[in-house]
N, C-alpha and C. Protein backbone atom coordinates (compact mmCIF):
# COMPACT_ATOMS: atom_id res chain seq x y z
N MET A 1 3.57 8.77 28.30
CA MET A 1 4.31 9.19 29.47
C MET A 1 4.74 8.17 30.30
N ASN A 2 6.16 8.39 30.50
CA ASN A 2 6.92 7.18 31.27
C ASN A 2 6.58 7.41 32.67
N TYR A 3 5.67 6.57 33.16
CA TYR A 3 5.28 6.68 34.81
C TYR A 3 6.38 6.39 35.65
N ARG A 4 7.15 5.53 35.22
CA ARG A 4 8.37 5.16 36.06
C ARG A 4 9.36 6.20 36.43
N PHE A 5 9.46 6.99 35.23
CA PHE A 5 10.41 8.23 35.52
C PHE A 5 9.64 9.15 36.33
N VAL A 6 8.45 9.42 36.27
CA VAL A 6 7.62 10.37 37.27
C VAL A 6 7.81 9.80 38.65
N THR A 7 7.53 8.58 38.75
CA THR A 7 7.71 7.94 39.98
C THR A 7 9.10 8.11 40.67
N PHE A 8 10.09 7.89 39.80
CA PHE A 8 11.50 8.12 40.38
C PHE A 8 11.79 9.43 40.71
N LEU A 9 11.35 10.49 39.90
CA LEU A 9 11.42 11.89 40.25
C LEU A 9 10.82 12.08 41.71
N THR A 10 9.56 11.68 41.79
CA THR A 10 8.74 11.88 43.00
C THR A 10 9.30 11.22 44.12
N PHE A 11 10.02 10.04 43.99
CA PHE A 11 10.81 9.36 45.12
C PHE A 11 12.22 10.34 45.46
N ILE A 12 12.79 10.74 44.45
CA ILE A 12 13.89 11.71 44.83
C ILE A 12 13.64 12.85 45.48
N ILE A 13 12.53 13.64 45.11
CA ILE A 13 11.93 14.67 46.09
C ILE A 13 11.77 14.31 47.29
N ILE A 14 10.92 13.49 47.59
CA ILE A 14 10.50 12.75 49.02
C ILE A 14 11.81 12.42 49.64
N SER A 15 12.59 11.87 49.03
CA SER A 15 13.89 11.28 49.90
C SER A 15 14.71 12.40 50.37
N SER A 16 14.77 13.50 49.24
CA SER A 16 15.39 14.54 49.59
C SER A 16 15.01 15.44 50.90
N ALA A 17 13.68 15.49 50.95
CA ALA A 17 13.01 15.99 51.98
C ALA A 17 13.36 15.57 53.31
N ALA A 18 13.27 14.22 53.27
CA ALA A 18 13.36 13.08 54.42
C ALA A 18 14.82 13.38 54.75
N TYR A 19 15.84 13.35 53.88
CA TYR A 19 17.09 13.46 54.23
C TYR A 19 17.54 14.91 54.92
N ALA A 20 16.81 15.79 54.42
CA ALA A 20 16.99 17.24 54.99
C ALA A 20 16.43 17.30 56.70
N GLU A 21 15.52 16.37 56.86
CA GLU A 21 15.32 16.63 58.27
C GLU A 21 16.48 15.95 59.30
N ASP A 22 17.34 15.25 58.74
CA ASP A 22 18.50 14.74 59.49
C ASP A 22 19.36 15.96 60.11
N SER A 23 19.78 15.78 61.50
CA SER A 23 19.90 16.89 62.07
C SER A 23 21.38 17.34 61.59
N SER A 24 22.14 16.79 60.64
CA SER A 24 23.36 17.12 60.25
C SER A 24 23.05 17.99 59.05
N ASN A 25 21.91 18.15 58.46
CA ASN A 25 21.60 18.78 57.24
C ASN A 25 20.63 19.96 57.62
N LEU A 26 20.44 20.18 58.84
CA LEU A 26 19.38 21.25 59.20
C LEU A 26 19.89 22.53 58.73
N SER A 27 21.15 22.85 58.51
CA SER A 27 21.50 24.23 58.11
C SER A 27 21.24 24.42 56.35
N TRP A 28 21.52 23.32 55.81
CA TRP A 28 20.96 23.22 54.44
C TRP A 28 19.44 23.48 54.30
N TRP A 29 18.64 22.64 54.97
CA TRP A 29 17.37 22.65 54.86
C TRP A 29 16.75 24.03 55.50
N SER A 30 17.45 24.70 56.39
CA SER A 30 17.10 26.03 56.89
C SER A 30 17.37 27.09 55.72
N GLY A 31 18.33 26.85 55.31
CA GLY A 31 18.58 27.78 54.06
C GLY A 31 17.66 27.76 53.02
N ILE A 32 17.15 26.56 52.67
CA ILE A 32 16.17 26.47 51.68
C ILE A 32 14.94 27.15 52.14
N LYS A 33 14.26 26.83 53.43
CA LYS A 33 13.15 27.42 53.95
C LYS A 33 13.34 28.85 54.01
N ASP A 34 14.78 29.33 54.32
CA ASP A 34 14.60 30.74 54.71
C ASP A 34 14.46 31.69 53.31
N SER A 35 15.11 30.81 52.29
CA SER A 35 14.96 31.63 50.89
C SER A 35 13.47 31.72 50.45
N LEU A 36 12.96 30.51 50.68
CA LEU A 36 11.50 30.42 50.12
C LEU A 36 10.73 31.44 50.78
N SER A 37 10.99 31.45 52.01
CA SER A 37 10.22 32.40 52.93
C SER A 37 10.31 34.07 52.48
N GLN A 38 11.72 34.22 52.48
CA GLN A 38 11.91 35.62 52.12
C GLN A 38 11.29 35.98 50.55
N THR A 39 11.36 35.14 49.83
CA THR A 39 10.64 35.21 48.20
C THR A 39 9.16 35.53 48.61
N TRP A 40 8.60 34.52 49.66
CA TRP A 40 7.15 34.67 49.71
C TRP A 40 6.65 35.76 50.36
N GLN A 41 7.47 36.33 51.13
CA GLN A 41 7.23 37.68 51.90
C GLN A 41 7.53 38.97 50.99
N SER A 42 8.14 38.87 49.90
CA SER A 42 8.64 39.92 48.95
C SER A 42 7.22 40.61 48.44
N GLN A 43 7.27 41.77 48.60
CA GLN A 43 6.10 42.75 47.97
C GLN A 43 6.32 43.04 46.40
N ASP A 44 7.33 42.38 45.74
CA ASP A 44 7.20 42.62 44.51
C ASP A 44 6.66 41.51 43.42
N TYR A 45 5.84 41.97 42.64
CA TYR A 45 5.15 41.02 41.84
C TYR A 45 5.34 40.99 40.45
N GLU A 46 5.22 40.00 39.62
CA GLU A 46 5.50 39.95 38.15
C GLU A 46 4.54 39.21 37.41
N LEU A 47 4.26 39.49 36.45
CA LEU A 47 3.28 38.89 35.52
C LEU A 47 4.04 38.05 34.39
N TYR A 48 3.40 37.06 33.93
CA TYR A 48 3.87 36.18 33.03
C TYR A 48 2.98 35.97 31.96
N ILE A 49 3.23 36.15 30.83
CA ILE A 49 2.45 35.76 29.36
C ILE A 49 3.28 34.86 28.47
N PRO A 50 2.75 33.76 28.49
CA PRO A 50 3.17 32.57 27.56
C PRO A 50 3.27 33.13 26.16
N VAL A 51 4.22 33.17 25.34
CA VAL A 51 4.28 33.57 23.81
C VAL A 51 4.56 32.42 22.76
N ASN A 52 5.40 31.25 23.35
CA ASN A 52 5.67 30.22 22.22
C ASN A 52 5.95 28.96 22.97
N THR A 53 5.52 27.84 22.11
CA THR A 53 6.00 26.50 22.51
C THR A 53 6.36 25.92 21.20
N TRP A 54 7.79 25.68 21.23
CA TRP A 54 8.49 25.30 20.03
C TRP A 54 8.87 23.76 20.27
N HIS A 55 8.15 22.80 19.50
CA HIS A 55 8.58 21.30 19.54
C HIS A 55 9.75 20.99 18.47
N ASN A 56 10.90 20.58 19.11
CA ASN A 56 11.94 20.40 18.57
C ASN A 56 11.90 19.28 17.26
N ARG A 57 11.99 19.57 16.20
CA ARG A 57 11.63 19.10 14.72
C ARG A 57 12.39 18.00 14.66
N ASN A 58 13.56 17.63 15.42
CA ASN A 58 14.05 16.32 15.48
C ASN A 58 13.55 15.26 15.89
N PHE A 59 12.59 15.48 16.85
CA PHE A 59 11.98 14.36 17.60
C PHE A 59 10.56 14.09 17.38
N TYR A 60 9.82 15.03 16.35
CA TYR A 60 8.42 14.70 16.27
C TYR A 60 8.40 14.68 14.45
N PRO A 61 7.37 13.85 13.94
CA PRO A 61 6.91 13.74 12.45
C PRO A 61 6.23 15.00 12.12
N LYS A 62 6.28 15.53 10.98
CA LYS A 62 5.62 16.65 10.48
C LYS A 62 4.04 16.53 10.81
N GLU A 63 3.62 15.45 10.72
CA GLU A 63 2.00 15.43 11.06
C GLU A 63 1.76 15.88 12.26
N LYS A 64 2.56 15.46 13.29
CA LYS A 64 2.39 15.65 14.75
C LYS A 64 2.46 17.30 15.04
N ILE A 65 3.59 17.68 14.54
CA ILE A 65 3.95 19.32 14.55
C ILE A 65 2.78 19.99 14.02
N ASP A 66 2.52 19.64 12.76
CA ASP A 66 1.30 20.38 12.32
C ASP A 66 -0.12 20.55 13.18
N ALA A 67 -0.34 19.27 14.00
CA ALA A 67 -1.40 19.13 14.93
C ALA A 67 -1.18 19.96 16.26
N PHE A 68 0.09 20.11 16.61
CA PHE A 68 0.30 20.97 18.07
C PHE A 68 -0.03 22.25 17.99
N ASN A 69 -0.38 22.85 19.26
CA ASN A 69 -0.84 24.10 19.35
C ASN A 69 0.72 24.71 19.83
N GLU A 70 1.37 25.70 19.24
CA GLU A 70 2.33 26.39 19.48
C GLU A 70 2.42 27.65 20.07
N ARG A 71 1.08 28.27 20.26
CA ARG A 71 0.71 29.48 20.88
C ARG A 71 0.16 29.19 22.11
N PRO A 72 0.65 29.22 23.07
CA PRO A 72 0.23 28.69 24.57
C PRO A 72 -0.52 29.82 24.97
N TRP A 73 -1.67 30.37 24.65
CA TRP A 73 -2.55 31.28 25.26
C TRP A 73 -2.55 31.15 26.85
N GLY A 74 -2.20 31.93 27.64
CA GLY A 74 -2.23 32.06 29.26
C GLY A 74 -1.82 33.21 29.87
N ILE A 75 -1.71 33.19 31.20
CA ILE A 75 -1.26 34.02 32.04
C ILE A 75 -0.73 33.52 33.49
N GLY A 76 -0.03 34.26 34.10
CA GLY A 76 0.59 33.58 35.38
C GLY A 76 1.01 34.84 36.26
N VAL A 77 1.28 34.69 37.66
CA VAL A 77 1.81 35.67 38.25
C VAL A 77 2.66 35.13 39.38
N GLY A 78 3.47 35.91 39.88
CA GLY A 78 4.63 35.57 40.75
C GLY A 78 5.04 36.49 41.73
N LYS A 79 5.71 36.13 42.91
CA LYS A 79 6.45 37.03 43.77
C LYS A 79 7.83 36.86 43.41
N TYR A 80 8.64 37.96 43.43
CA TYR A 80 10.01 37.80 43.18
C TYR A 80 10.87 38.72 43.94
N ARG A 81 12.13 38.22 44.06
CA ARG A 81 13.05 39.14 44.73
C ARG A 81 14.51 39.09 44.15
N PHE A 82 15.37 39.93 44.42
CA PHE A 82 16.86 39.91 44.22
C PHE A 82 17.56 39.80 45.44
N ASP A 83 18.45 38.73 45.31
CA ASP A 83 19.20 38.59 46.78
C ASP A 83 20.29 39.46 46.76
N GLU A 84 21.10 39.24 47.81
CA GLU A 84 22.08 40.33 48.20
C GLU A 84 23.41 40.05 47.12
N GLU A 85 23.35 39.05 46.32
CA GLU A 85 24.09 39.03 45.22
C GLU A 85 23.61 39.35 43.94
N GLY A 86 22.52 39.76 43.92
CA GLY A 86 21.72 40.06 42.77
C GLY A 86 20.90 39.13 41.95
N ASP A 87 21.11 38.08 42.54
CA ASP A 87 20.26 36.87 41.91
C ASP A 87 18.94 36.65 42.10
N TRP A 88 18.07 36.15 41.08
CA TRP A 88 16.64 36.40 41.02
C TRP A 88 16.08 35.04 41.62
N HIS A 89 14.93 35.21 42.43
CA HIS A 89 14.28 34.00 42.88
C HIS A 89 12.70 34.54 42.64
N ALA A 90 11.80 33.40 42.59
CA ALA A 90 10.39 33.72 42.43
C ALA A 90 9.68 32.56 42.88
N LEU A 91 8.36 32.71 43.30
CA LEU A 91 7.29 31.74 43.46
C LEU A 91 6.50 32.10 42.51
N TYR A 92 5.75 31.16 41.64
CA TYR A 92 5.08 31.52 40.56
C TYR A 92 3.82 30.38 40.52
N VAL A 93 2.67 30.79 39.54
CA VAL A 93 1.64 29.92 39.30
C VAL A 93 1.41 30.43 37.74
N MET A 94 1.15 29.55 36.91
CA MET A 94 0.87 29.89 35.55
C MET A 94 -0.08 29.00 35.26
N ALA A 95 -0.98 29.34 33.88
CA ALA A 95 -1.80 28.35 33.48
C ALA A 95 -1.77 28.81 31.77
N PHE A 96 -1.83 27.81 30.97
CA PHE A 96 -1.56 28.14 29.39
C PHE A 96 -2.39 26.99 28.77
N GLU A 97 -2.51 27.14 27.45
CA GLU A 97 -2.91 26.16 26.62
C GLU A 97 -1.78 25.18 26.24
N ASP A 98 -1.83 23.89 26.59
CA ASP A 98 -0.69 23.26 26.05
C ASP A 98 -0.66 22.58 24.65
N SER A 99 0.26 21.90 24.29
CA SER A 99 0.37 21.62 22.95
C SER A 99 -0.79 20.87 22.21
N ASN A 100 -1.87 20.41 23.21
CA ASN A 100 -2.96 19.70 22.70
C ASN A 100 -4.23 20.77 22.89
N ASN A 101 -4.04 21.89 23.21
CA ASN A 101 -5.12 22.77 23.34
C ASN A 101 -6.07 22.73 24.82
N ALA A 102 -5.22 21.99 25.53
CA ALA A 102 -5.81 21.96 26.84
C ALA A 102 -5.13 22.71 27.91
N ILE A 103 -5.83 23.33 29.08
CA ILE A 103 -5.34 23.88 29.98
C ILE A 103 -4.27 23.28 30.75
N GLU A 104 -3.14 23.81 30.83
CA GLU A 104 -1.93 23.09 31.85
C GLU A 104 -1.57 24.15 32.83
N PRO A 105 -1.92 23.94 34.21
CA PRO A 105 -1.39 24.71 35.23
C PRO A 105 -0.08 24.24 35.50
N VAL A 106 0.83 25.25 36.20
CA VAL A 106 2.20 25.00 36.71
C VAL A 106 2.43 25.82 37.81
N ALA A 107 3.20 25.35 38.87
CA ALA A 107 3.15 26.22 39.86
C ALA A 107 4.77 25.71 40.46
N GLY A 108 5.56 26.62 41.15
CA GLY A 108 6.76 26.27 41.44
C GLY A 108 7.50 27.45 42.18
N TYR A 109 8.84 27.09 42.23
CA TYR A 109 10.00 27.99 42.55
C TYR A 109 10.87 28.01 41.62
N ALA A 110 11.56 29.24 41.01
CA ALA A 110 12.54 29.55 40.13
C ALA A 110 13.85 30.37 40.63
N PHE A 111 14.90 29.93 40.18
CA PHE A 111 16.14 30.66 40.80
C PHE A 111 16.95 30.87 39.36
N GLN A 112 17.53 32.13 39.40
CA GLN A 112 18.55 32.24 38.20
C GLN A 112 19.63 33.30 38.94
N LYS A 113 20.97 32.70 38.41
CA LYS A 113 22.10 33.47 38.71
C LYS A 113 21.95 34.34 37.56
N VAL A 114 22.21 35.74 37.94
CA VAL A 114 22.30 36.87 37.06
C VAL A 114 23.38 37.76 36.74
N TRP A 115 23.66 38.04 35.60
CA TRP A 115 24.88 38.74 35.04
C TRP A 115 24.41 39.95 34.52
N ARG A 116 25.13 41.06 34.53
CA ARG A 116 24.46 42.44 34.25
C ARG A 116 25.75 43.09 33.30
N PRO A 117 25.78 42.81 32.15
CA PRO A 117 26.50 43.31 31.05
C PRO A 117 26.39 44.68 30.79
N ALA A 118 25.31 45.27 31.00
CA ALA A 118 25.17 46.85 30.94
C ALA A 118 23.98 47.02 32.17
N GLU A 119 23.81 48.50 32.53
CA GLU A 119 23.25 49.06 33.39
C GLU A 119 21.64 48.63 33.56
N ASP A 120 20.87 48.29 32.41
CA ASP A 120 19.58 47.94 32.54
C ASP A 120 19.36 46.56 31.74
N VAL A 121 20.47 45.72 31.55
CA VAL A 121 20.49 44.70 30.81
C VAL A 121 20.69 43.26 31.84
N ARG A 122 20.03 42.36 31.86
CA ARG A 122 20.32 41.27 32.68
C ARG A 122 20.29 39.90 31.83
N LEU A 123 21.18 39.10 31.99
CA LEU A 123 21.21 37.80 31.57
C LEU A 123 21.13 36.83 32.66
N GLY A 124 20.24 35.84 32.75
CA GLY A 124 20.03 34.94 33.59
C GLY A 124 20.26 33.32 33.41
N ALA A 125 20.36 32.61 34.17
CA ALA A 125 20.53 30.97 33.84
C ALA A 125 20.28 30.24 35.25
N GLY A 126 19.43 29.44 35.43
CA GLY A 126 19.11 28.97 36.54
C GLY A 126 18.27 27.82 36.27
N TYR A 127 17.34 27.41 37.23
CA TYR A 127 16.39 26.37 37.42
C TYR A 127 15.05 26.54 37.85
N THR A 128 13.92 25.72 37.60
CA THR A 128 12.77 25.79 38.41
C THR A 128 12.43 24.48 39.00
N LEU A 129 11.71 24.38 40.02
CA LEU A 129 11.25 23.25 40.34
C LEU A 129 9.83 23.36 40.82
N GLY A 130 8.89 22.53 40.46
CA GLY A 130 7.54 22.60 40.71
C GLY A 130 6.69 21.32 40.46
N LEU A 131 5.47 21.59 40.00
CA LEU A 131 4.47 20.78 39.61
C LEU A 131 3.55 21.36 38.50
N THR A 132 3.24 20.41 37.69
CA THR A 132 2.32 20.65 36.55
C THR A 132 1.34 19.58 36.59
N MET A 133 0.31 19.81 35.65
CA MET A 133 -0.75 18.63 35.47
C MET A 133 -1.43 18.87 34.10
N ARG A 134 -1.33 17.59 33.47
CA ARG A 134 -1.84 17.58 31.95
C ARG A 134 -2.92 16.91 31.83
N GLN A 135 -3.94 17.33 31.09
CA GLN A 135 -5.11 16.67 30.74
C GLN A 135 -5.05 15.25 30.23
N ASP A 136 -3.97 14.91 29.33
CA ASP A 136 -3.73 13.85 28.56
C ASP A 136 -3.13 12.77 29.74
N ILE A 137 -2.95 13.13 30.88
CA ILE A 137 -2.53 12.14 32.02
C ILE A 137 -3.50 12.22 33.35
N ASN A 138 -4.72 12.66 32.91
CA ASN A 138 -5.80 12.98 33.77
C ASN A 138 -5.59 13.99 34.90
N TYR A 139 -4.61 14.83 34.90
CA TYR A 139 -4.34 15.96 35.70
C TYR A 139 -3.93 15.38 36.97
N ILE A 140 -2.77 14.24 36.78
CA ILE A 140 -2.14 13.87 38.04
C ILE A 140 -0.84 14.78 38.08
N PRO A 141 -0.61 15.32 39.26
CA PRO A 141 0.43 16.03 39.57
C PRO A 141 1.83 15.56 38.97
N ILE A 142 2.53 16.16 38.16
CA ILE A 142 3.89 15.77 37.69
C ILE A 142 4.92 16.83 38.20
N PRO A 143 5.99 16.15 38.88
CA PRO A 143 7.16 16.96 39.21
C PRO A 143 7.84 17.63 38.08
N VAL A 144 8.41 18.79 38.20
CA VAL A 144 9.03 19.75 37.17
C VAL A 144 10.28 20.13 37.48
N ILE A 145 11.22 19.57 36.84
CA ILE A 145 12.79 20.19 37.09
C ILE A 145 13.32 20.43 35.77
N ALA A 146 13.63 21.82 35.63
CA ALA A 146 14.06 22.36 34.12
C ALA A 146 15.07 23.35 34.35
N PRO A 147 15.64 23.59 33.33
CA PRO A 147 16.47 24.81 33.23
C PRO A 147 15.75 26.01 32.92
N VAL A 148 16.15 27.28 33.19
CA VAL A 148 15.46 28.52 32.84
C VAL A 148 16.35 29.57 32.57
N PHE A 149 16.42 30.14 31.37
CA PHE A 149 17.13 31.30 30.82
C PHE A 149 16.42 32.55 30.52
N SER A 150 17.08 33.53 30.86
CA SER A 150 16.37 34.85 30.32
C SER A 150 17.15 35.92 29.77
N VAL A 151 16.76 36.90 29.16
CA VAL A 151 17.22 37.99 28.78
C VAL A 151 16.35 39.29 29.15
N ALA A 152 16.74 40.27 30.06
CA ALA A 152 15.99 41.32 30.67
C ALA A 152 16.34 42.45 30.23
N TYR A 153 15.38 43.51 29.96
CA TYR A 153 15.89 44.90 29.91
C TYR A 153 14.95 45.61 30.96
N LYS A 154 15.43 46.45 31.69
CA LYS A 154 14.57 46.98 32.72
C LYS A 154 13.56 45.93 33.40
N GLN A 155 12.38 46.30 33.29
CA GLN A 155 11.26 45.31 34.13
C GLN A 155 10.91 44.10 33.02
N LEU A 156 11.29 44.27 31.99
CA LEU A 156 10.66 43.29 30.78
C LEU A 156 11.74 42.11 30.70
N ALA A 157 11.40 40.88 30.69
CA ALA A 157 12.31 39.72 30.44
C ALA A 157 11.70 38.99 29.40
N MET A 158 12.58 38.20 28.53
CA MET A 158 12.11 37.02 27.75
C MET A 158 12.69 35.88 28.58
N GLN A 159 11.69 34.95 29.14
CA GLN A 159 12.45 33.87 29.77
C GLN A 159 11.94 32.45 29.26
N SER A 160 12.86 31.69 28.94
CA SER A 160 12.54 30.21 28.33
C SER A 160 13.02 29.04 29.43
N THR A 161 12.47 27.82 29.02
CA THR A 161 12.99 26.58 29.56
C THR A 161 12.70 25.67 28.47
N TYR A 162 13.77 24.54 28.55
CA TYR A 162 13.86 23.39 27.62
C TYR A 162 13.17 22.26 28.41
N ILE A 163 12.16 21.53 27.99
CA ILE A 163 11.55 20.40 28.64
C ILE A 163 12.28 19.17 27.82
N LEU A 164 13.15 18.54 28.65
CA LEU A 164 13.68 17.26 27.91
C LEU A 164 12.86 16.23 27.69
N GLY A 165 13.07 15.32 26.79
CA GLY A 165 12.12 14.08 26.72
C GLY A 165 12.87 13.13 25.69
N GLY A 166 11.79 12.44 24.74
CA GLY A 166 12.23 11.53 24.05
C GLY A 166 11.75 11.53 22.67
N ASN A 167 11.62 10.60 21.88
CA ASN A 167 11.22 10.59 20.61
C ASN A 167 9.63 10.70 20.88
N GLU A 168 9.02 11.82 20.19
CA GLU A 168 7.64 12.22 20.23
C GLU A 168 6.97 12.64 21.48
N HIS A 169 7.98 12.98 22.43
CA HIS A 169 7.31 13.43 23.88
C HIS A 169 8.41 14.31 24.33
N GLY A 170 8.10 15.64 24.97
CA GLY A 170 9.03 16.38 25.57
C GLY A 170 9.84 17.06 24.46
N ASN A 171 11.12 17.52 24.81
CA ASN A 171 11.94 18.26 23.75
C ASN A 171 11.20 19.41 23.31
N ILE A 172 10.68 20.31 24.15
CA ILE A 172 9.92 21.57 23.89
C ILE A 172 10.69 22.60 24.49
N LEU A 173 10.86 23.76 23.75
CA LEU A 173 11.34 25.03 24.06
C LEU A 173 10.16 25.88 24.42
N PHE A 174 9.71 26.12 25.74
CA PHE A 174 8.62 26.94 26.12
C PHE A 174 9.12 28.43 26.56
N THR A 175 8.53 29.43 26.01
CA THR A 175 9.02 30.91 26.19
C THR A 175 7.91 31.58 26.68
N TRP A 176 8.12 32.72 27.78
CA TRP A 176 7.24 33.67 28.11
C TRP A 176 7.79 34.76 28.33
N LEU A 177 6.89 35.76 28.36
CA LEU A 177 7.44 37.24 28.75
C LEU A 177 7.20 37.35 30.14
N ARG A 178 8.00 38.01 30.99
CA ARG A 178 7.82 38.33 32.30
C ARG A 178 8.12 39.84 32.68
N TRP A 179 7.00 40.46 33.23
CA TRP A 179 7.02 41.98 33.47
C TRP A 179 6.88 42.11 34.73
N GLN A 180 7.91 42.85 35.42
CA GLN A 180 8.00 43.05 36.96
C GLN A 180 7.37 44.35 37.11
N LEU A 181 6.08 44.08 37.94
CA LEU A 181 5.06 45.14 38.17
C LEU A 181 5.78 46.21 39.38
N LYS A 182 6.72 45.83 39.97
CA LYS A 182 7.29 46.90 40.92
C LYS A 182 8.83 46.59 41.11
């Protein structure tokens, strides 16, 4: 794991929060806090069921791929809302078996711009910001900044993120089902 990269990301997140406290940026910071508050106050919940972890074969030798767990058993829950523009916001927690069969928790916020090509069909693209912890780095909190994509029909969505990385780390497509309970 590249600890300098994690340190850099942590510095950026902390710096952004400090920058937001400047009075000229209060409207920007207020908008973020308002969005998070509205999502937290939502009465709408969803269930997350991890279904696949695909390691990009261009970045890993076959022996490593054969040793990895690509069936991430786990579960998660979140609160979600659709804003006035129809875009999706969520606060979530999830735990699943990582590539090494160890439990990996993740929690955060996600946003997707949503397109509706048909009445019950939604396509989404956005991002997630959060924290995860892994056994192979002693469960030290790691910031997560990743793209999120989805295809949804009524209350069921298939959602994925791609974790960027380098040779023999990262470069993973993580996919889960998302079921809106209300």
